[in-house]
């Protein structure tokens, strides 16, 4: 039976898609993710150390002297305190996201060895392997425009169920490091006492997620149609 975009069949076997099971792809993903994780953690530490309350007060003073700040509801001390709190939490989120990304690299290398062992024994890869690989590949190549489509396409090519669904799930995986930073910003906003702003940040995160999922689903759909 021919594969379709919704239910691909044996086209995702390791023989026909050995590129996706090659060790060089593992090292590419692990290397780029590790670099990104270290940079994110370094940036977070730098912000924690360099963004002090005096800098927040300077920012607040400059902002409130602008022509559009007349109706701004916060006083200068309140704005400075809010900026400092959100910046500190966001910087901490960068550090955590970076460290988790590096830890994920170590885990992913071991996991991929296990997948190859399963294939060598004649067993299938885990059901979540396609979206996981596609999402991490896209995350590693985050500097490429619209890379979510590429990640979704990789997931769709490997999928043994719905290429579109696995592509969409790859979009969820792609956004994982960003979720940590977004949630840290939400926590910082709540800590500063501005719940309504936290809701806006959450809505922005949802938009970010939806865009990633839609683009990756398109990639999975196209991969399924090509394989069919």
Protein backbone atom coordinates (compact mmCIF):
# COMPACT_ATOMS: atom_id res chain seq x y z
CA UNK A 1 0.00 0.00 0.00
CA UNK A 2 1.36 3.41 -0.94
CA UNK A 3 2.27 5.82 1.83
CA UNK A 4 0.24 8.98 2.31
CA UNK A 5 0.78 12.23 4.11
CA UNK A 6 -1.43 11.01 6.94
CA UNK A 7 -0.31 7.41 7.28
CA UNK A 8 3.07 6.59 5.75
CA UNK A 9 4.09 2.94 5.67
CA UNK A 10 7.49 1.27 5.39
CA UNK A 11 9.09 4.20 3.56
CA UNK A 12 10.60 5.29 6.88
CA UNK A 13 12.77 2.17 7.22
CA UNK A 14 16.43 2.61 8.15
CA UNK A 15 17.62 1.16 4.86
CA UNK A 16 15.95 3.87 2.79
CA UNK A 17 16.70 6.67 5.24
CA UNK A 18 20.14 5.73 6.56
CA UNK A 19 21.08 9.44 6.55
CA UNK A 20 18.80 9.98 9.53
CA UNK A 21 20.46 7.15 11.47
CA UNK A 22 24.07 8.06 10.70
CA UNK A 23 26.35 8.97 13.60
CA UNK A 24 27.56 12.13 11.85
CA UNK A 25 24.03 13.54 12.17
CA UNK A 26 24.16 12.83 15.90
CA UNK A 27 27.42 14.73 16.25
CA UNK A 28 26.08 17.62 14.18
CA UNK A 29 23.00 17.95 16.40
CA UNK A 30 24.89 17.41 19.65
CA UNK A 31 27.69 19.80 18.68
CA UNK A 32 25.41 22.66 17.63
CA UNK A 33 23.06 22.18 20.57
CA UNK A 34 25.96 22.10 23.01
CA UNK A 35 27.36 25.33 21.58
CA UNK A 36 23.94 26.95 21.80
CA UNK A 37 23.43 25.71 25.35
CA UNK A 38 26.79 27.00 26.52
CA UNK A 39 26.16 30.38 24.86
CA UNK A 40 22.70 30.65 26.44
CA UNK A 41 24.07 29.82 29.89
CA UNK A 42 26.95 32.26 29.44
CA UNK A 43 24.57 35.01 28.35
CA UNK A 44 22.36 34.33 31.35
CA UNK A 45 25.28 34.48 33.78
CA UNK A 46 26.49 37.68 32.14
CA UNK A 47 23.07 39.30 32.53
CA UNK A 48 22.83 38.21 36.15
CA UNK A 49 26.22 39.74 36.90
CA UNK A 50 26.02 42.90 34.79
CA UNK A 51 22.35 43.92 34.90
CA UNK A 52 22.18 45.49 38.34
CA UNK A 53 19.55 47.73 39.91
CA UNK A 54 21.43 50.86 38.88
CA UNK A 55 21.14 49.87 35.22
CA UNK A 56 17.44 49.18 35.71
CA UNK A 57 17.00 52.62 37.28
CA UNK A 58 18.85 54.22 34.37
CA UNK A 59 16.58 52.42 31.89
CA UNK A 60 13.44 53.48 33.80
CA UNK A 61 14.57 57.11 33.97
CA UNK A 62 15.33 57.23 30.24
CA UNK A 63 12.05 55.55 29.34
CA UNK A 64 9.90 57.86 31.47
CA UNK A 65 11.45 60.97 29.96
CA UNK A 66 10.12 60.05 26.53
CA UNK A 67 7.12 61.86 25.01
CA UNK A 68 4.94 58.73 25.11
CA UNK A 69 5.47 58.02 28.80
CA UNK A 70 3.13 60.68 30.18
CA UNK A 71 0.28 58.22 30.73
CA UNK A 72 2.50 55.35 31.87
CA UNK A 73 0.97 53.92 35.08
CA UNK A 74 4.22 53.20 36.95
CA UNK A 75 6.52 55.55 38.78
CA UNK A 76 10.23 55.48 38.07
CA UNK A 77 11.11 53.36 41.16
CA UNK A 78 8.29 50.93 40.39
CA UNK A 79 9.36 50.54 36.78
CA UNK A 80 13.00 50.08 37.76
CA UNK A 81 12.05 47.39 40.26
CA UNK A 82 9.88 45.59 37.69
CA UNK A 83 12.57 45.73 35.00
CA UNK A 84 15.22 44.45 37.39
CA UNK A 85 13.03 41.58 38.62
CA UNK A 86 11.98 40.42 35.15
CA UNK A 87 15.53 40.71 33.81
CA UNK A 88 16.91 38.68 36.71
CA UNK A 89 14.35 35.91 36.28
CA UNK A 90 14.81 35.85 32.51
CA UNK A 91 18.58 35.64 32.90
CA UNK A 92 18.11 32.72 35.26
CA UNK A 93 15.86 31.11 32.65
CA UNK A 94 18.65 31.42 30.09
CA UNK A 95 21.08 29.71 32.44
CA UNK A 96 18.65 26.86 33.16
CA UNK A 97 17.76 26.48 29.46
CA UNK A 98 21.43 26.35 28.54
CA UNK A 99 22.30 23.75 31.16
CA UNK A 100 19.29 21.61 30.27
CA UNK A 101 20.26 21.78 26.59
CA UNK A 102 23.78 20.54 27.36
CA UNK A 103 22.33 17.75 29.51
CA UNK A 104 19.96 16.85 26.66
CA UNK A 105 22.96 16.52 24.35
CA UNK A 106 24.51 13.88 26.61
CA UNK A 107 21.22 12.01 26.86
CA UNK A 108 20.52 12.25 23.13
CA UNK A 109 23.86 10.68 22.20
CA UNK A 110 23.15 7.66 24.41
CA UNK A 111 19.57 7.48 23.21
CA UNK A 112 20.57 7.39 19.54
CA UNK A 113 22.99 4.55 20.20
CA UNK A 114 20.08 2.67 21.73
CA UNK A 115 17.92 3.37 18.66
CA UNK A 116 20.58 1.95 16.35
CA UNK A 117 20.84 -1.14 18.56
CA UNK A 118 17.06 -1.62 18.27
CA UNK A 119 17.23 -1.34 14.49
CA UNK A 120 20.14 -3.80 14.33
CA UNK A 121 17.98 -6.28 16.26
CA UNK A 122 15.18 -5.88 13.73
CA UNK A 123 12.98 -3.81 16.01
CA UNK A 124 11.46 -0.45 15.20
CA UNK A 125 12.61 2.84 16.65
CA UNK A 126 10.44 4.24 19.48
CA UNK A 127 7.24 5.92 18.32
CA UNK A 128 8.45 9.31 19.52
CA UNK A 129 11.76 9.05 17.65
CA UNK A 130 10.61 10.86 14.49
CA UNK A 131 9.31 14.08 16.13
CA UNK A 132 12.17 14.06 18.65
CA UNK A 133 14.85 13.88 15.96
CA UNK A 134 13.09 16.43 13.75
CA UNK A 135 12.61 18.85 16.62
CA UNK A 136 16.19 18.59 17.86
CA UNK A 137 17.56 18.91 14.33
CA UNK A 138 15.57 22.11 13.86
CA UNK A 139 16.71 23.42 17.25
CA UNK A 140 20.34 22.75 16.35
CA UNK A 141 19.88 24.65 13.07
CA UNK A 142 17.84 27.46 14.64
CA UNK A 143 19.91 30.06 12.77
CA UNK A 144 18.38 28.84 9.47
CA UNK A 145 15.21 30.77 8.49
CA UNK A 146 11.99 28.73 8.78
CA UNK A 147 13.98 25.75 10.02
CA UNK A 148 10.78 24.41 11.62
CA UNK A 149 9.73 23.27 8.15
CA UNK A 150 12.97 21.31 7.81
CA UNK A 151 12.54 19.70 11.22
CA UNK A 152 8.94 18.81 10.43
CA UNK A 153 10.04 17.35 7.11
CA UNK A 154 12.65 15.16 8.81
CA UNK A 155 10.03 13.94 11.28
CA UNK A 156 7.55 13.29 8.49
CA UNK A 157 10.10 11.32 6.51
CA UNK A 158 10.80 9.06 9.49
CA UNK A 159 7.18 8.76 10.58
CA UNK A 160 5.47 5.37 10.63
CA UNK A 161 2.06 6.89 11.41
CA UNK A 162 0.91 10.41 10.43
CA UNK A 163 3.67 12.48 8.84
CA UNK A 164 1.71 15.66 9.52
CA UNK A 165 1.21 14.82 13.20
CA UNK A 166 4.85 13.91 13.74
CA UNK A 167 5.85 17.09 11.96
CA UNK A 168 3.65 19.11 14.31
CA UNK A 169 5.12 17.35 17.34
CA UNK A 170 8.59 18.20 16.06
CA UNK A 171 7.50 21.83 16.24
CA UNK A 172 6.66 21.36 19.92
CA UNK A 173 10.11 19.86 20.57
CA UNK A 174 11.75 22.69 18.63
CA UNK A 175 10.37 25.28 21.02
CA UNK A 176 11.39 23.45 24.21
CA UNK A 177 14.44 25.57 25.19
CA UNK A 178 12.46 28.74 24.59
CA UNK A 179 9.69 27.57 26.92
CA UNK A 180 12.09 27.74 29.86
CA UNK A 181 12.97 31.36 29.12
CA UNK A 182 9.34 32.32 28.48
CA UNK A 183 8.21 30.72 31.74
CA UNK A 184 11.06 32.41 33.62
CA UNK A 185 9.87 35.75 32.23
CA UNK A 186 6.33 34.93 33.36
CA UNK A 187 7.60 34.07 36.85
CA UNK A 188 9.59 37.30 36.96
CA UNK A 189 6.56 39.32 35.94
CA UNK A 190 4.46 37.66 38.63
CA UNK A 191 7.22 38.23 41.19
CA UNK A 192 7.19 41.91 40.24
CA UNK A 193 3.45 41.96 40.95
CA UNK A 194 2.09 42.41 37.43
CA UNK A 195 -0.20 39.48 36.76
CA UNK A 196 -1.85 41.06 33.72
CA UNK A 197 1.53 41.44 32.06
CA UNK A 198 2.29 37.80 32.87
CA UNK A 199 -0.87 36.82 30.98
CA UNK A 200 0.35 38.79 27.96
CA UNK A 201 3.70 37.00 28.12
CA UNK A 202 1.92 33.65 28.26
CA UNK A 203 -0.15 34.61 25.21
CA UNK A 204 3.04 35.58 23.38
CA UNK A 205 4.50 32.17 24.26
CA UNK A 206 1.41 30.46 22.87
CA UNK A 207 1.74 32.39 19.61
CA UNK A 208 5.39 31.35 19.47
CA UNK A 209 4.35 27.72 19.98
CA UNK A 210 1.56 27.81 17.40
CA UNK A 211 3.85 29.28 14.74
CA UNK A 212 6.44 26.56 15.39
CA UNK A 213 3.83 23.80 15.26
CA UNK A 214 2.16 25.05 12.07
CA UNK A 215 5.44 25.46 10.18
CA UNK A 216 6.68 22.05 11.29
CA UNK A 217 3.34 20.44 10.40
CA UNK A 218 3.65 21.88 6.90
CA UNK A 219 7.09 20.29 6.62
CA UNK A 220 5.71 16.95 7.79
CA UNK A 221 2.81 17.16 5.33
CA UNK A 222 5.15 17.86 2.41
CA UNK A 223 7.47 15.02 3.43
CA UNK A 224 4.52 12.63 3.60
CA UNK A 225 3.29 13.70 0.16
CA UNK A 226 6.77 13.27 -1.34
CA UNK A 227 7.17 9.84 0.23
CA UNK A 228 3.74 8.82 -1.04
